[in-house]
């Protein structure tokens, strides 16, 4: 709904505004799915921010917003793999830790 005033300020017809708001709603559902899938609000906000970058991230004949939407769908699909990969890289599991604390050499009462 916050996008509606901007659409009206641009002088769009009522039909165009309704279609635009439907599109924004679907993209909002996509970002909500990213949040639910990743459990990380920064991922959803970051992808939204990249879609809003003025001029896009690159020069191409393809709309950069469309590319970012495809990337967002890709994040949804590969997130379980990325989560496992990142868990193995940034883990606190004792068997992978190099610190003596992680290997059980220091005990806490």
Protein backbone atom coordinates (compact mmCIF):
# COMPACT_ATOMS: atom_id res chain seq x y z
CA UNK A 1 0.00 0.00 0.00
CA UNK A 2 2.97 2.32 0.62
CA UNK A 3 3.75 2.11 -3.10
CA UNK A 4 0.32 3.48 -4.13
CA UNK A 5 1.02 7.21 -3.51
CA UNK A 6 4.14 7.03 -5.68
CA UNK A 7 2.14 5.40 -8.46
CA UNK A 8 -0.54 8.10 -8.28
CA UNK A 9 2.10 10.87 -8.23
CA UNK A 10 3.41 9.51 -11.52
CA UNK A 11 -0.01 10.13 -13.04
CA UNK A 12 -0.77 6.50 -13.80
CA UNK A 13 -4.31 5.45 -14.60
CA UNK A 14 -6.33 3.55 -11.98
CA UNK A 15 -6.02 0.30 -13.97
CA UNK A 16 -2.24 0.67 -14.21
CA UNK A 17 -1.99 1.45 -10.48
CA UNK A 18 -4.02 -1.65 -9.60
CA UNK A 19 -1.82 -3.83 -11.84
CA UNK A 20 1.31 -2.23 -10.36
CA UNK A 21 0.10 -2.88 -6.81
CA UNK A 22 -0.68 -6.50 -7.72
CA UNK A 23 2.87 -6.85 -9.03
CA UNK A 24 4.31 -5.26 -5.88
CA UNK A 25 2.18 -7.60 -3.75
CA UNK A 26 3.53 -10.69 -5.54
CA UNK A 27 7.11 -9.46 -5.19
CA UNK A 28 6.39 -8.78 -1.50
CA UNK A 29 5.23 -12.39 -1.13
CA UNK A 30 8.49 -13.47 -2.74
CA UNK A 31 10.50 -11.46 -0.20
CA UNK A 32 8.39 -12.90 2.60
CA UNK A 33 9.21 -16.37 1.29
CA UNK A 34 12.91 -15.47 1.28
CA UNK A 35 12.61 -14.40 4.92
CA UNK A 36 10.72 -17.55 5.92
CA UNK A 37 13.15 -19.78 4.01
CA UNK A 38 16.34 -18.12 5.29
CA UNK A 39 15.20 -16.95 8.71
CA UNK A 40 17.26 -13.84 8.03
CA UNK A 41 15.58 -10.49 7.45
CA UNK A 42 18.82 -8.98 6.14
CA UNK A 43 18.77 -11.32 3.13
CA UNK A 44 15.25 -10.20 2.15
CA UNK A 45 16.02 -6.52 2.79
CA UNK A 46 19.30 -6.81 0.89
CA UNK A 47 17.62 -8.33 -2.15
CA UNK A 48 14.90 -5.65 -2.03
CA UNK A 49 17.60 -2.99 -1.86
CA UNK A 50 19.41 -4.43 -4.86
CA UNK A 51 16.19 -4.30 -6.87
CA UNK A 52 15.85 -0.61 -5.96
CA UNK A 53 19.40 0.37 -6.96
CA UNK A 54 19.05 3.31 -9.34
CA UNK A 55 20.49 2.47 -12.72
CA UNK A 56 20.96 -1.15 -11.82
CA UNK A 57 24.08 -3.05 -10.93
CA UNK A 58 25.19 -3.60 -14.49
CA UNK A 59 24.61 -2.38 -18.01
CA UNK A 60 22.64 -4.80 -20.10
CA UNK A 61 19.68 -5.02 -22.40
CA UNK A 62 17.89 -6.95 -19.64
CA UNK A 63 16.17 -5.02 -16.85
CA UNK A 64 18.34 -5.35 -13.74
CA UNK A 65 15.25 -5.57 -11.52
CA UNK A 66 14.21 -8.69 -13.40
CA UNK A 67 17.68 -10.17 -12.93
CA UNK A 68 17.47 -9.49 -9.19
CA UNK A 69 14.05 -11.15 -9.02
CA UNK A 70 15.52 -14.21 -10.71
CA UNK A 71 18.40 -14.09 -8.19
CA UNK A 72 15.84 -13.90 -5.38
CA UNK A 73 14.14 -17.04 -6.70
CA UNK A 74 17.55 -18.66 -6.91
CA UNK A 75 18.20 -17.85 -3.25
CA UNK A 76 14.94 -19.57 -2.37
CA UNK A 77 15.95 -22.68 -4.26
CA UNK A 78 19.57 -23.01 -3.10
CA UNK A 79 19.22 -21.76 0.47
CA UNK A 80 19.21 -25.23 2.10
CA UNK A 81 22.53 -26.02 0.39
CA UNK A 82 23.99 -22.61 1.31
CA UNK A 83 22.83 -22.98 4.91
CA UNK A 84 24.59 -26.35 5.21
CA UNK A 85 27.72 -25.00 3.51
CA UNK A 86 27.85 -21.91 5.71
CA UNK A 87 27.17 -24.00 8.81
CA UNK A 88 30.22 -26.10 8.02
CA UNK A 89 32.39 -23.03 7.40
CA UNK A 90 31.16 -20.92 10.32
CA UNK A 91 30.49 -23.58 12.88
CA UNK A 92 30.97 -23.85 16.60
CA UNK A 93 30.96 -27.63 16.53
CA UNK A 94 33.80 -28.94 18.72
CA UNK A 95 35.08 -31.45 16.17
CA UNK A 96 35.83 -28.68 13.66
CA UNK A 97 37.14 -26.05 16.07
CA UNK A 98 40.86 -25.31 16.29
CA UNK A 99 40.67 -23.64 19.69
CA UNK A 100 41.51 -25.65 22.84
CA UNK A 101 38.18 -24.45 24.25
CA UNK A 102 36.29 -26.14 21.43
CA UNK A 103 38.17 -29.40 21.92
CA UNK A 104 37.16 -29.68 25.55
CA UNK A 105 40.55 -28.84 27.09
CA UNK A 106 39.03 -26.09 29.19
CA UNK A 107 36.12 -27.01 31.38
CA UNK A 108 33.66 -24.64 32.95
CA UNK A 109 32.12 -25.43 36.34
